[in-house]
């Protein structure tokens, strides 16, 4: 029996409660997005470069808006799941979910691998 997406999300969240903490979510985007995509049928990782949005309360030392910031999310059924968004916006929903079509609004470049982004 195939689990529903809400059940998969809930189970994944229970396995990785540290991601609710902005400090502990920092630097885990590629690993966590990959793990989530591996568990959800039809999901894929999308790599992002350069924030168009300002993140003034982020937990790292990067500028609030950084054209060179690298990030990753998992996309499934037209929705982008950002399990580590709290590293950028500590008050963000967890997981942060948005339509995948909005990724281009928030990020300068999108790719299927870091190499596609020129990293």
PDB file of N, CA and C in Angstrom:
ATOM      1  N   UNK A   1       0.840  -1.183   0.000  1.00  0.00           N
ATOM      2  CA  UNK A   1       0.000   0.000   0.000  1.00  0.00           C
ATOM      3  C   UNK A   1       0.887   1.249   0.000  1.00  0.00           C
ATOM      4  N   UNK A   2       0.593   2.189  -0.870  1.00  0.00           N
ATOM      5  CA  UNK A   2       1.373   3.410  -0.978  1.00  0.00           C
ATOM      6  C   UNK A   2       0.841   4.436   0.015  1.00  0.00           C
ATOM      7  N   UNK A   3       1.743   4.991   0.814  1.00  0.00           N
ATOM      8  CA  UNK A   3       1.355   6.012   1.795  1.00  0.00           C
ATOM      9  C   UNK A   3       1.005   7.305   1.072  1.00  0.00           C
ATOM     10  N   UNK A   4       0.081   8.050   1.641  1.00  0.00           N
ATOM     11  CA  UNK A   4      -0.290   9.327   1.059  1.00  0.00           C
ATOM     12  C   UNK A   4       0.802  10.354   1.336  1.00  0.00           C
ATOM     13  N   UNK A   5       0.834  11.410   0.537  1.00  0.00           N
ATOM     14  CA  UNK A   5       1.848  12.438   0.714  1.00  0.00           C
ATOM     15  C   UNK A   5       1.796  13.049   2.116  1.00  0.00           C
ATOM     16  N   UNK A   6       0.627  13.394   2.646  1.00  0.00           N
ATOM     17  CA  UNK A   6       0.612  13.934   4.015  1.00  0.00           C
ATOM     18  C   UNK A   6       1.219  12.977   5.046  1.00  0.00           C
ATOM     19  N   UNK A   7       0.997  11.690   4.888  1.00  0.00           N
ATOM     20  CA  UNK A   7       1.593  10.715   5.816  1.00  0.00           C
ATOM     21  C   UNK A   7       3.104  10.657   5.665  1.00  0.00           C
ATOM     22  N   UNK A   8       3.580  10.714   4.427  1.00  0.00           N
ATOM     23  CA  UNK A   8       5.025  10.713   4.195  1.00  0.00           C
ATOM     24  C   UNK A   8       5.670  11.963   4.790  1.00  0.00           C
ATOM     25  N   UNK A   9       5.018  13.092   4.642  1.00  0.00           N
ATOM     26  CA  UNK A   9       5.529  14.347   5.196  1.00  0.00           C
ATOM     27  C   UNK A   9       5.595  14.265   6.715  1.00  0.00           C
ATOM     28  N   UNK A  10       4.528  13.789   7.319  1.00  0.00           N
ATOM     29  CA  UNK A  10       4.471  13.669   8.772  1.00  0.00           C
ATOM     30  C   UNK A  10       5.539  12.712   9.298  1.00  0.00           C
ATOM     31  N   UNK A  11       5.696  11.579   8.649  1.00  0.00           N
ATOM     32  CA  UNK A  11       6.698  10.602   9.078  1.00  0.00           C
ATOM     33  C   UNK A  11       8.109  11.173   8.927  1.00  0.00           C
ATOM     34  N   UNK A  12       8.361  11.867   7.842  1.00  0.00           N
ATOM     35  CA  UNK A  12       9.676  12.469   7.621  1.00  0.00           C
ATOM     36  C   UNK A  12       9.959  13.523   8.682  1.00  0.00           C
ATOM     37  N   UNK A  13       8.981  14.337   8.977  1.00  0.00           N
ATOM     38  CA  UNK A  13       9.129  15.382   9.996  1.00  0.00           C
ATOM     39  C   UNK A  13       9.447  14.778  11.367  1.00  0.00           C
ATOM     40  N   UNK A  14       8.802  13.681  11.713  1.00  0.00           N
ATOM     41  CA  UNK A  14       9.078  13.020  12.997  1.00  0.00           C
ATOM     42  C   UNK A  14      10.495  12.461  13.063  1.00  0.00           C
ATOM     43  N   UNK A  15      11.031  12.036  11.910  1.00  0.00           N
ATOM     44  CA  UNK A  15      12.392  11.488  11.877  1.00  0.00           C
ATOM     45  C   UNK A  15      13.467  12.563  12.004  1.00  0.00           C
ATOM     46  N   UNK A  16      13.139  13.783  11.597  1.00  0.00           N
ATOM     47  CA  UNK A  16      14.134  14.852  11.594  1.00  0.00           C
ATOM     48  C   UNK A  16      13.625  16.097  12.328  1.00  0.00           C
ATOM     49  N   UNK A  17      13.325  15.971  13.619  1.00  0.00           N
ATOM     50  CA  UNK A  17      12.791  17.121  14.363  1.00  0.00           C
ATOM     51  C   UNK A  17      13.785  18.268  14.489  1.00  0.00           C
ATOM     52  N   UNK A  18      15.080  17.994  14.339  1.00  0.00           N
ATOM     53  CA  UNK A  18      16.086  19.053  14.458  1.00  0.00           C
ATOM     54  C   UNK A  18      15.899  20.140  13.412  1.00  0.00           C
ATOM     55  N   UNK A  19      15.239  19.822  12.312  1.00  0.00           N
ATOM     56  CA  UNK A  19      15.070  20.805  11.245  1.00  0.00           C
ATOM     57  C   UNK A  19      14.135  21.949  11.630  1.00  0.00           C
ATOM     58  N   UNK A  20      13.407  21.776  12.723  1.00  0.00           N
ATOM     59  CA  UNK A  20      12.554  22.864  13.209  1.00  0.00           C
ATOM     60  C   UNK A  20      13.383  23.980  13.838  1.00  0.00           C
ATOM     61  N   UNK A  21      14.615  23.673  14.217  1.00  0.00           N
ATOM     62  CA  UNK A  21      15.523  24.633  14.832  1.00  0.00           C
ATOM     63  C   UNK A  21      16.347  25.301  13.734  1.00  0.00           C
ATOM     64  N   UNK A  22      16.261  26.633  13.573  1.00  0.00           N
ATOM     65  CA  UNK A  22      16.989  27.318  12.501  1.00  0.00           C
ATOM     66  C   UNK A  22      18.489  27.039  12.502  1.00  0.00           C
ATOM     67  N   UNK A  23      19.100  26.988  13.662  1.00  0.00           N
ATOM     68  CA  UNK A  23      20.541  26.740  13.748  1.00  0.00           C
ATOM     69  C   UNK A  23      20.897  25.327  13.281  1.00  0.00           C
ATOM     70  N   UNK A  24      20.080  24.371  13.638  1.00  0.00           N
ATOM     71  CA  UNK A  24      20.371  22.976  13.280  1.00  0.00           C
ATOM     72  C   UNK A  24      19.989  22.670  11.841  1.00  0.00           C
ATOM     73  N   UNK A  25      19.096  23.463  11.254  1.00  0.00           N
ATOM     74  CA  UNK A  25      18.722  23.277   9.853  1.00  0.00           C
ATOM     75  C   UNK A  25      19.796  23.829   8.919  1.00  0.00           C
ATOM     76  N   UNK A  26      20.620  24.725   9.439  1.00  0.00           N
ATOM     77  CA  UNK A  26      21.640  25.389   8.624  1.00  0.00           C
ATOM     78  C   UNK A  26      22.590  24.382   7.978  1.00  0.00           C
ATOM     79  N   UNK A  27      22.761  24.504   6.671  1.00  0.00           N
ATOM     80  CA  UNK A  27      23.710  23.669   5.940  1.00  0.00           C
ATOM     81  C   UNK A  27      23.245  22.267   5.607  1.00  0.00           C
ATOM     82  N   UNK A  28      21.979  21.947   5.858  1.00  0.00           N
ATOM     83  CA  UNK A  28      21.491  20.586   5.637  1.00  0.00           C
ATOM     84  C   UNK A  28      20.580  20.451   4.421  1.00  0.00           C
ATOM     85  N   UNK A  29      20.448  21.508   3.618  1.00  0.00           N
ATOM     86  CA  UNK A  29      19.440  21.501   2.561  1.00  0.00           C
ATOM     87  C   UNK A  29      19.643  20.393   1.525  1.00  0.00           C
ATOM     88  N   UNK A  30      20.859  20.173   1.062  1.00  0.00           N
ATOM     89  CA  UNK A  30      21.087  19.157   0.027  1.00  0.00           C
ATOM     90  C   UNK A  30      20.813  17.754   0.551  1.00  0.00           C
ATOM     91  N   UNK A  31      21.349  17.456   1.720  1.00  0.00           N
ATOM     92  CA  UNK A  31      21.153  16.131   2.309  1.00  0.00           C
ATOM     93  C   UNK A  31      19.669  15.856   2.565  1.00  0.00           C
ATOM     94  N   UNK A  32      19.003  16.766   3.227  1.00  0.00           N
ATOM     95  CA  UNK A  32      17.600  16.546   3.603  1.00  0.00           C
ATOM     96  C   UNK A  32      16.695  16.514   2.381  1.00  0.00           C
ATOM     97  N   UNK A  33      16.923  17.414   1.419  1.00  0.00           N
ATOM     98  CA  UNK A  33      16.101  17.400   0.201  1.00  0.00           C
ATOM     99  C   UNK A  33      16.281  16.082  -0.545  1.00  0.00           C
ATOM    100  N   UNK A  34      17.505  15.587  -0.588  1.00  0.00           N
ATOM    101  CA  UNK A  34      17.766  14.310  -1.242  1.00  0.00           C
ATOM    102  C   UNK A  34      17.107  13.137  -0.539  1.00  0.00           C
ATOM    103  N   UNK A  35      17.167  13.135   0.783  1.00  0.00           N
ATOM    104  CA  UNK A  35      16.527  12.061   1.548  1.00  0.00           C
ATOM    105  C   UNK A  35      15.009  12.081   1.357  1.00  0.00           C
ATOM    106  N   UNK A  36      14.415  13.274   1.395  1.00  0.00           N
ATOM    107  CA  UNK A  36      12.972  13.384   1.202  1.00  0.00           C
ATOM    108  C   UNK A  36      12.588  12.933  -0.209  1.00  0.00           C
ATOM    109  N   UNK A  37      13.326  13.392  -1.214  1.00  0.00           N
ATOM    110  CA  UNK A  37      13.016  13.012  -2.594  1.00  0.00           C
ATOM    111  C   UNK A  37      13.145  11.504  -2.803  1.00  0.00           C
ATOM    112  N   UNK A  38      14.072  10.869  -2.110  1.00  0.00           N
ATOM    113  CA  UNK A  38      14.254   9.421  -2.243  1.00  0.00           C
ATOM    114  C   UNK A  38      13.092   8.637  -1.654  1.00  0.00           C
ATOM    115  N   UNK A  39      12.373   9.241  -0.717  1.00  0.00           N
ATOM    116  CA  UNK A  39      11.273   8.542  -0.050  1.00  0.00           C
ATOM    117  C   UNK A  39       9.905   8.822  -0.659  1.00  0.00           C
ATOM    118  N   UNK A  40       9.810   9.834  -1.490  1.00  0.00           N
ATOM    119  CA  UNK A  40       8.516  10.224  -2.041  1.00  0.00           C
ATOM    120  C   UNK A  40       8.495   9.924  -3.541  1.00  0.00           C
ATOM    121  N   UNK A  41       7.625   9.025  -3.961  1.00  0.00           N
ATOM    122  CA  UNK A  41       7.560   8.691  -5.384  1.00  0.00           C
ATOM    123  C   UNK A  41       7.329   9.929  -6.244  1.00  0.00           C
ATOM    124  N   UNK A  42       8.131  10.057  -7.291  1.00  0.00           N
ATOM    125  CA  UNK A  42       7.988  11.165  -8.223  1.00  0.00           C
ATOM    126  C   UNK A  42       8.666  12.460  -7.799  1.00  0.00           C
ATOM    127  N   UNK A  43       9.273  12.485  -6.639  1.00  0.00           N
ATOM    128  CA  UNK A  43       9.930  13.706  -6.155  1.00  0.00           C
ATOM    129  C   UNK A  43      11.320  13.831  -6.766  1.00  0.00           C
ATOM    130  N   UNK A  44      11.804  15.070  -6.849  1.00  0.00           N
ATOM    131  CA  UNK A  44      13.149  15.328  -7.336  1.00  0.00           C
ATOM    132  C   UNK A  44      13.724  16.516  -6.580  1.00  0.00           C
ATOM    133  N   UNK A  45      15.029  16.606  -6.548  1.00  0.00           N
ATOM    134  CA  UNK A  45      15.697  17.725  -5.904  1.00  0.00           C
ATOM    135  C   UNK A  45      15.913  18.821  -6.947  1.00  0.00           C
ATOM    136  N   UNK A  46      15.641  20.051  -6.550  1.00  0.00           N
ATOM    137  CA  UNK A  46      15.915  21.207  -7.398  1.00  0.00           C
ATOM    138  C   UNK A  46      16.932  22.061  -6.657  1.00  0.00           C
ATOM    139  N   UNK A  47      17.988  22.405  -7.359  1.00  0.00           N
ATOM    140  CA  UNK A  47      19.059  23.223  -6.789  1.00  0.00           C
ATOM    141  C   UNK A  47      18.840  24.676  -7.189  1.00  0.00           C
ATOM    142  N   UNK A  48      19.055  25.570  -6.245  1.00  0.00           N
ATOM    143  CA  UNK A  48      18.746  26.984  -6.420  1.00  0.00           C
ATOM    144  C   UNK A  48      19.999  27.814  -6.197  1.00  0.00           C
ATOM    145  N   UNK A  49      20.115  28.884  -6.944  1.00  0.00           N
ATOM    146  CA  UNK A  49      21.257  29.777  -6.775  1.00  0.00           C
ATOM    147  C   UNK A  49      20.772  31.219  -6.785  1.00  0.00           C
ATOM    148  N   UNK A  50      21.193  31.971  -5.803  1.00  0.00           N
ATOM    149  CA  UNK A  50      20.941  33.400  -5.761  1.00  0.00           C
ATOM    150  C   UNK A  50      19.553  33.787  -5.298  1.00  0.00           C
ATOM    151  N   UNK A  51      19.448  34.216  -4.054  1.00  0.00           N
ATOM    152  CA  UNK A  51      18.131  34.618  -3.548  1.00  0.00           C
ATOM    153  C   UNK A  51      17.737  35.975  -4.112  1.00  0.00           C
ATOM    154  N   UNK A  52      16.507  36.055  -4.564  1.00  0.00           N
ATOM    155  CA  UNK A  52      15.911  37.328  -4.966  1.00  0.00           C
ATOM    156  C   UNK A  52      15.211  37.966  -3.767  1.00  0.00           C
ATOM    157  N   UNK A  53      14.818  37.131  -2.824  1.00  0.00           N
ATOM    158  CA  UNK A  53      14.143  37.595  -1.607  1.00  0.00           C
ATOM    159  C   UNK A  53      15.163  38.026  -0.574  1.00  0.00           C
ATOM    160  N   UNK A  54      14.737  38.901   0.282  1.00  0.00           N
ATOM    161  CA  UNK A  54      15.565  39.298   1.427  1.00  0.00           C
ATOM    162  C   UNK A  54      15.244  38.391   2.607  1.00  0.00           C
ATOM    163  N   UNK A  55      16.280  37.925   3.281  1.00  0.00           N
ATOM    164  CA  UNK A  55      16.146  37.111   4.482  1.00  0.00           C
ATOM    165  C   UNK A  55      16.942  37.796   5.595  1.00  0.00           C
ATOM    166  N   UNK A  56      16.411  38.871   6.171  1.00  0.00           N
ATOM    167  CA  UNK A  56      17.182  39.652   7.151  1.00  0.00           C
ATOM    168  C   UNK A  56      17.461  38.939   8.468  1.00  0.00           C
ATOM    169  N   UNK A  57      16.688  37.907   8.815  1.00  0.00           N
ATOM    170  CA  UNK A  57      16.853  37.223  10.104  1.00  0.00           C
ATOM    171  C   UNK A  57      17.535  35.869   9.982  1.00  0.00           C
ATOM    172  N   UNK A  58      18.189  35.617   8.868  1.00  0.00           N
ATOM    173  CA  UNK A  58      18.819  34.312   8.642  1.00  0.00           C
ATOM    174  C   UNK A  58      19.882  34.027   9.708  1.00  0.00           C
ATOM    175  N   UNK A  59      20.170  32.746   9.916  1.00  0.00           N
ATOM    176  CA  UNK A  59      21.068  32.353  11.014  1.00  0.00           C
ATOM    177  C   UNK A  59      22.541  32.349  10.617  1.00  0.00           C
ATOM    178  N   UNK A  60      22.842  32.558   9.344  1.00  0.00           N
ATOM    179  CA  UNK A  60      24.241  32.572   8.922  1.00  0.00           C
ATOM    180  C   UNK A  60      24.713  34.010   8.725  1.00  0.00           C
ATOM    181  N   UNK A  61      25.922  34.166   8.227  1.00  0.00           N
ATOM    182  CA  UNK A  61      26.509  35.486   8.044  1.00  0.00           C
ATOM    183  C   UNK A  61      26.407  36.007   6.617  1.00  0.00           C
ATOM    184  N   UNK A  62      25.624  35.345   5.787  1.00  0.00           N
ATOM    185  CA  UNK A  62      25.458  35.813   4.418  1.00  0.00           C
ATOM    186  C   UNK A  62      24.626  37.087   4.400  1.00  0.00           C
ATOM    187  N   UNK A  63      24.724  37.883   3.329  1.00  0.00           N
ATOM    188  CA  UNK A  63      23.863  39.072   3.229  1.00  0.00           C
ATOM    189  C   UNK A  63      22.391  38.677   3.194  1.00  0.00           C
ATOM    190  N   UNK A  64      21.508  39.592   3.553  1.00  0.00           N
ATOM    191  CA  UNK A  64      20.068  39.316   3.576  1.00  0.00           C
ATOM    192  C   UNK A  64      19.554  38.887   2.206  1.00  0.00           C
ATOM    193  N   UNK A  65      20.132  39.434   1.150  1.00  0.00           N
ATOM    194  CA  UNK A  65      19.808  39.038  -0.232  1.00  0.00           C
ATOM    195  C   UNK A  65      21.137  38.743  -0.898  1.00  0.00           C
ATOM    196  N   UNK A  66      21.330  37.496  -1.320  1.00  0.00           N
ATOM    197  CA  UNK A  66      22.636  37.065  -1.787  1.00  0.00           C
ATOM    198  C   UNK A  66      22.546  36.422  -3.168  1.00  0.00           C
ATOM    199  N   UNK A  67      23.115  37.041  -4.199  1.00  0.00           N
ATOM    200  CA  UNK A  67      23.039  36.469  -5.554  1.00  0.00           C
ATOM    201  C   UNK A  67      23.876  35.205  -5.732  1.00  0.00           C
ATOM    202  N   UNK A  68      24.684  34.835  -4.723  1.00  0.00           N
ATOM    203  CA  UNK A  68      25.521  33.641  -4.830  1.00  0.00           C
ATOM    204  C   UNK A  68      25.147  32.558  -3.826  1.00  0.00           C
ATOM    205  N   UNK A  69      24.038  32.732  -3.110  1.00  0.00           N
ATOM    206  CA  UNK A  69      23.645  31.742  -2.108  1.00  0.00           C
ATOM    207  C   UNK A  69      23.103  30.492  -2.798  1.00  0.00           C
ATOM    208  N   UNK A  70      23.567  29.324  -2.370  1.00  0.00           N
ATOM    209  CA  UNK A  70      23.167  28.029  -2.925  1.00  0.00           C
ATOM    210  C   UNK A  70      22.219  27.342  -1.957  1.00  0.00           C
ATOM    211  N   UNK A  71      21.150  26.761  -2.485  1.00  0.00           N
ATOM    212  CA  UNK A  71      20.140  26.120  -1.655  1.00  0.00           C
ATOM    213  C   UNK A  71      19.517  24.969  -2.448  1.00  0.00           C
ATOM    214  N   UNK A  72      18.811  24.080  -1.770  1.00  0.00           N
ATOM    215  CA  UNK A  72      18.153  22.959  -2.436  1.00  0.00           C
ATOM    216  C   UNK A  72      16.804  22.688  -1.785  1.00  0.00           C
ATOM    217  N   UNK A  73      15.855  22.256  -2.606  1.00  0.00           N
ATOM    218  CA  UNK A  73      14.524  21.881  -2.144  1.00  0.00           C
ATOM    219  C   UNK A  73      14.104  20.608  -2.873  1.00  0.00           C
ATOM    220  N   UNK A  74      13.076  19.965  -2.365  1.00  0.00           N
ATOM    221  CA  UNK A  74      12.504  18.797  -3.041  1.00  0.00           C
ATOM    222  C   UNK A  74      11.177  19.225  -3.666  1.00  0.00           C
ATOM    223  N   UNK A  75      10.960  18.802  -4.907  1.00  0.00           N
ATOM    224  CA  UNK A  75       9.726  19.144  -5.608  1.00  0.00           C
ATOM    225  C   UNK A  75       8.948  17.867  -5.879  1.00  0.00           C
ATOM    226  N   UNK A  76       7.686  17.895  -5.515  1.00  0.00           N
ATOM    227  CA  UNK A  76       6.790  16.765  -5.758  1.00  0.00           C
ATOM    228  C   UNK A  76       5.394  17.303  -6.042  1.00  0.00           C
ATOM    229  N   UNK A  77       4.785  16.774  -7.085  1.00  0.00           N
ATOM    230  CA  UNK A  77       3.417  17.147  -7.456  1.00  0.00           C
ATOM    231  C   UNK A  77       3.237  18.661  -7.565  1.00  0.00           C
ATOM    232  N   UNK A  78       4.227  19.340  -8.118  1.00  0.00           N
ATOM    233  CA  UNK A  78       4.122  20.774  -8.337  1.00  0.00           C
ATOM    234  C   UNK A  78       4.344  21.642  -7.114  1.00  0.00           C
ATOM    235  N   UNK A  79       4.732  21.019  -6.016  1.00  0.00           N
ATOM    236  CA  UNK A  79       4.984  21.759  -4.780  1.00  0.00           C
ATOM    237  C   UNK A  79       6.450  21.614  -4.390  1.00  0.00           C
ATOM    238  N   UNK A  80       7.041  22.723  -3.956  1.00  0.00           N
ATOM    239  CA  UNK A  80       8.430  22.711  -3.491  1.00  0.00           C
ATOM    240  C   UNK A  80       8.437  22.624  -1.970  1.00  0.00           C
ATOM    241  N   UNK A  81       9.131  21.614  -1.450  1.00  0.00           N
ATOM    242  CA  UNK A  81       9.244  21.393  -0.009  1.00  0.00           C
ATOM    243  C   UNK A  81      10.635  21.818   0.434  1.00  0.00           C
ATOM    244  N   UNK A  82      10.672  22.836   1.275  1.00  0.00           N
ATOM    245  CA  UNK A  82      11.938  23.353   1.795  1.00  0.00           C
ATOM    246  C   UNK A  82      12.001  23.001   3.278  1.00  0.00           C
ATOM    247  N   UNK A  83      12.709  21.919   3.584  1.00  0.00           N
ATOM    248  CA  UNK A  83      12.793  21.420   4.950  1.00  0.00           C
ATOM    249  C   UNK A  83      13.758  22.227   5.808  1.00  0.00           C
ATOM    250  N   UNK A  84      14.580  23.052   5.199  1.00  0.00           N
ATOM    251  CA  UNK A  84      15.559  23.828   5.963  1.00  0.00           C
ATOM    252  C   UNK A  84      15.332  25.333   5.815  1.00  0.00           C
ATOM    253  N   UNK A  85      14.155  25.744   5.431  1.00  0.00           N
ATOM    254  CA  UNK A  85      13.859  27.162   5.220  1.00  0.00           C
ATOM    255  C   UNK A  85      14.093  27.998   6.479  1.00  0.00           C
ATOM    256  N   UNK A  86      13.935  27.390   7.636  1.00  0.00           N
ATOM    257  CA  UNK A  86      14.103  28.151   8.880  1.00  0.00           C
ATOM    258  C   UNK A  86      15.530  28.671   9.065  1.00  0.00           C
ATOM    259  N   UNK A  87      16.502  28.120   8.347  1.00  0.00           N
ATOM    260  CA  UNK A  87      17.844  28.694   8.419  1.00  0.00           C
ATOM    261  C   UNK A  87      17.857  30.081   7.773  1.00  0.00           C
ATOM    262  N   UNK A  88      16.962  30.314   6.838  1.00  0.00           N
ATOM    263  CA  UNK A  88      16.855  31.606   6.161  1.00  0.00           C
ATOM    264  C   UNK A  88      15.830  32.510   6.824  1.00  0.00           C
ATOM    265  N   UNK A  89      14.729  31.926   7.237  1.00  0.00           N
ATOM    266  CA  UNK A  89      13.634  32.665   7.865  1.00  0.00           C
ATOM    267  C   UNK A  89      13.177  31.872   9.090  1.00  0.00           C
ATOM    268  N   UNK A  90      13.702  32.194  10.276  1.00  0.00           N
ATOM    269  CA  UNK A  90      13.412  31.403  11.476  1.00  0.00           C
ATOM    270  C   UNK A  90      11.922  31.249  11.803  1.00  0.00           C
ATOM    271  N   UNK A  91      11.079  32.121  11.283  1.00  0.00           N
ATOM    272  CA  UNK A  91       9.643  32.029  11.567  1.00  0.00           C
ATOM    273  C   UNK A  91       8.852  31.359  10.432  1.00  0.00           C
ATOM    274  N   UNK A  92       9.543  30.798   9.467  1.00  0.00           N
ATOM    275  CA  UNK A  92       8.873  30.153   8.333  1.00  0.00           C
ATOM    276  C   UNK A  92       8.101  28.927   8.788  1.00  0.00           C
ATOM    277  N   UNK A  93       7.086  28.599   8.025  1.00  0.00           N
ATOM    278  CA  UNK A  93       6.348  27.353   8.266  1.00  0.00           C
ATOM    279  C   UNK A  93       7.318  26.186   8.097  1.00  0.00           C
ATOM    280  N   UNK A  94       6.996  25.063   8.727  1.00  0.00           N
ATOM    281  CA  UNK A  94       7.856  23.886   8.619  1.00  0.00           C
ATOM    282  C   UNK A  94       7.039  22.650   8.289  1.00  0.00           C
ATOM    283  N   UNK A  95       7.332  21.967   7.203  1.00  0.00           N
ATOM    284  CA  UNK A  95       8.230  22.430   6.159  1.00  0.00           C
ATOM    285  C   UNK A  95       7.608  23.617   5.419  1.00  0.00           C
ATOM    286  N   UNK A  96       8.471  24.430   4.820  1.00  0.00           N
ATOM    287  CA  UNK A  96       7.986  25.540   4.010  1.00  0.00           C
ATOM    288  C   UNK A  96       7.604  24.949   2.659  1.00  0.00           C
ATOM    289  N   UNK A  97       6.345  25.144   2.262  1.00  0.00           N
ATOM    290  CA  UNK A  97       5.848  24.583   1.005  1.00  0.00           C
ATOM    291  C   UNK A  97       5.319  25.722   0.153  1.00  0.00           C
ATOM    292  N   UNK A  98       5.716  25.713  -1.108  1.00  0.00           N
ATOM    293  CA  UNK A  98       5.229  26.717  -2.045  1.00  0.00           C
ATOM    294  C   UNK A  98       5.088  26.070  -3.418  1.00  0.00           C
ATOM    295  N   UNK A  99       4.261  26.640  -4.284  1.00  0.00           N
ATOM    296  CA  UNK A  99       4.188  26.100  -5.642  1.00  0.00           C
ATOM    297  C   UNK A  99       5.565  26.160  -6.304  1.00  0.00           C
ATOM    298  N   UNK A 100       5.944  25.100  -6.967  1.00  0.00           N
ATOM    299  CA  UNK A 100       7.251  25.059  -7.620  1.00  0.00           C
ATOM    300  C   UNK A 100       7.400  26.183  -8.637  1.00  0.00           C
ATOM    301  N   UNK A 101       6.308  26.610  -9.234  1.00  0.00           N
ATOM    302  CA  UNK A 101       6.359  27.704 -10.209  1.00  0.00           C
ATOM    303  C   UNK A 101       6.852  29.005  -9.577  1.00  0.00           C
ATOM    304  N   UNK A 102       6.713  29.150  -8.260  1.00  0.00           N
ATOM    305  CA  UNK A 102       7.165  30.369  -7.580  1.00  0.00           C
ATOM    306  C   UNK A 102       8.665  30.374  -7.292  1.00  0.00           C
ATOM    307  N   UNK A 103       9.336  29.262  -7.498  1.00  0.00           N
ATOM    308  CA  UNK A 103      10.771  29.215  -7.227  1.00  0.00           C
ATOM    309  C   UNK A 103      11.525  30.234  -8.079  1.00  0.00           C
ATOM    310  N   UNK A 104      11.114  30.402  -9.323  1.00  0.00           N
ATOM    311  CA  UNK A 104      11.784  31.367 -10.208  1.00  0.00           C
ATOM    312  C   UNK A 104      11.588  32.802  -9.729  1.00  0.00           C
ATOM    313  N   UNK A 105      10.528  33.045  -9.002  1.00  0.00           N
ATOM    314  CA  UNK A 105      10.297  34.374  -8.438  1.00  0.00           C
ATOM    315  C   UNK A 105      11.284  34.657  -7.305  1.00  0.00           C
ATOM    316  N   UNK A 106      11.636  33.631  -6.542  1.00  0.00           N
ATOM    317  CA  UNK A 106      12.466  33.793  -5.354  1.00  0.00           C
ATOM    318  C   UNK A 106      13.949  33.530  -5.578  1.00  0.00           C
ATOM    319  N   UNK A 107      14.312  32.848  -6.677  1.00  0.00           N
ATOM    320  CA  UNK A 107      15.704  32.441  -6.914  1.00  0.00           C
ATOM    321  C   UNK A 107      16.113  32.796  -8.334  1.00  0.00           C
ATOM    322  N   UNK A 108      17.368  33.184  -8.502  1.00  0.00           N
ATOM    323  CA  UNK A 108      17.866  33.633  -9.805  1.00  0.00           C
ATOM    324  C   UNK A 108      17.997  32.469 -10.785  1.00  0.00           C
ATOM    325  N   UNK A 109      18.576  31.352 -10.328  1.00  0.00           N
ATOM    326  CA  UNK A 109      18.772  30.203 -11.207  1.00  0.00           C
ATOM    327  C   UNK A 109      18.289  28.931 -10.540  1.00  0.00           C
ATOM    328  N   UNK A 110      17.704  28.031 -11.340  1.00  0.00           N
ATOM    329  CA  UNK A 110      17.256  26.726 -10.891  1.00  0.00           C
ATOM    330  C   UNK A 110      17.943  25.672 -11.748  1.00  0.00           C
ATOM    331  N   UNK A 111      18.255  24.525 -11.133  1.00  0.00           N
ATOM    332  CA  UNK A 111      18.890  23.455 -11.912  1.00  0.00           C
ATOM    333  C   UNK A 111      18.639  22.090 -11.332  1.00  0.00           C
ATOM    334  N   UNK A 112      18.936  21.082 -12.126  1.00  0.00           N
ATOM    335  CA  UNK A 112      18.784  19.690 -11.695  1.00  0.00           C
ATOM    336  C   UNK A 112      20.012  19.169 -10.973  1.00  0.00           C
ATOM    337  N   UNK A 113      21.089  19.937 -11.008  1.00  0.00           N
ATOM    338  CA  UNK A 113      22.312  19.555 -10.301  1.00  0.00           C
ATOM    339  C   UNK A 113      23.114  20.814 -10.033  1.00  0.00           C
ATOM    340  N   UNK A 114      24.023  20.771  -9.070  1.00  0.00           N
ATOM    341  CA  UNK A 114      24.881  21.939  -8.844  1.00  0.00           C
ATOM    342  C   UNK A 114      25.707  22.301 -10.084  1.00  0.00           C
ATOM    343  N   UNK A 115      26.065  21.287 -10.888  1.00  0.00           N
ATOM    344  CA  UNK A 115      26.847  21.539 -12.089  1.00  0.00           C
ATOM    345  C   UNK A 115      26.062  22.370 -13.104  1.00  0.00           C
ATOM    346  N   UNK A 116      24.770  22.141 -13.192  1.00  0.00           N
ATOM    347  CA  UNK A 116      23.923  22.930 -14.104  1.00  0.00           C
ATOM    348  C   UNK A 116      23.974  24.393 -13.713  1.00  0.00           C
ATOM    349  N   UNK A 117      24.119  24.665 -12.425  1.00  0.00           N
ATOM    350  CA  UNK A 117      24.178  26.046 -11.942  1.00  0.00           C
ATOM    351  C   UNK A 117      25.577  26.635 -12.094  1.00  0.00           C
ATOM    352  N   UNK A 118      26.521  25.809 -12.506  1.00  0.00           N
ATOM    353  CA  UNK A 118      27.889  26.273 -12.675  1.00  0.00           C
ATOM    354  C   UNK A 118      28.703  26.266 -11.404  1.00  0.00           C
ATOM    355  N   UNK A 119      28.304  25.434 -10.437  1.00  0.00           N
ATOM    356  CA  UNK A 119      29.030  25.368  -9.170  1.00  0.00           C
ATOM    357  C   UNK A 119      30.102  24.311  -9.189  1.00  0.00           C
TER     358      UNK A 119
END
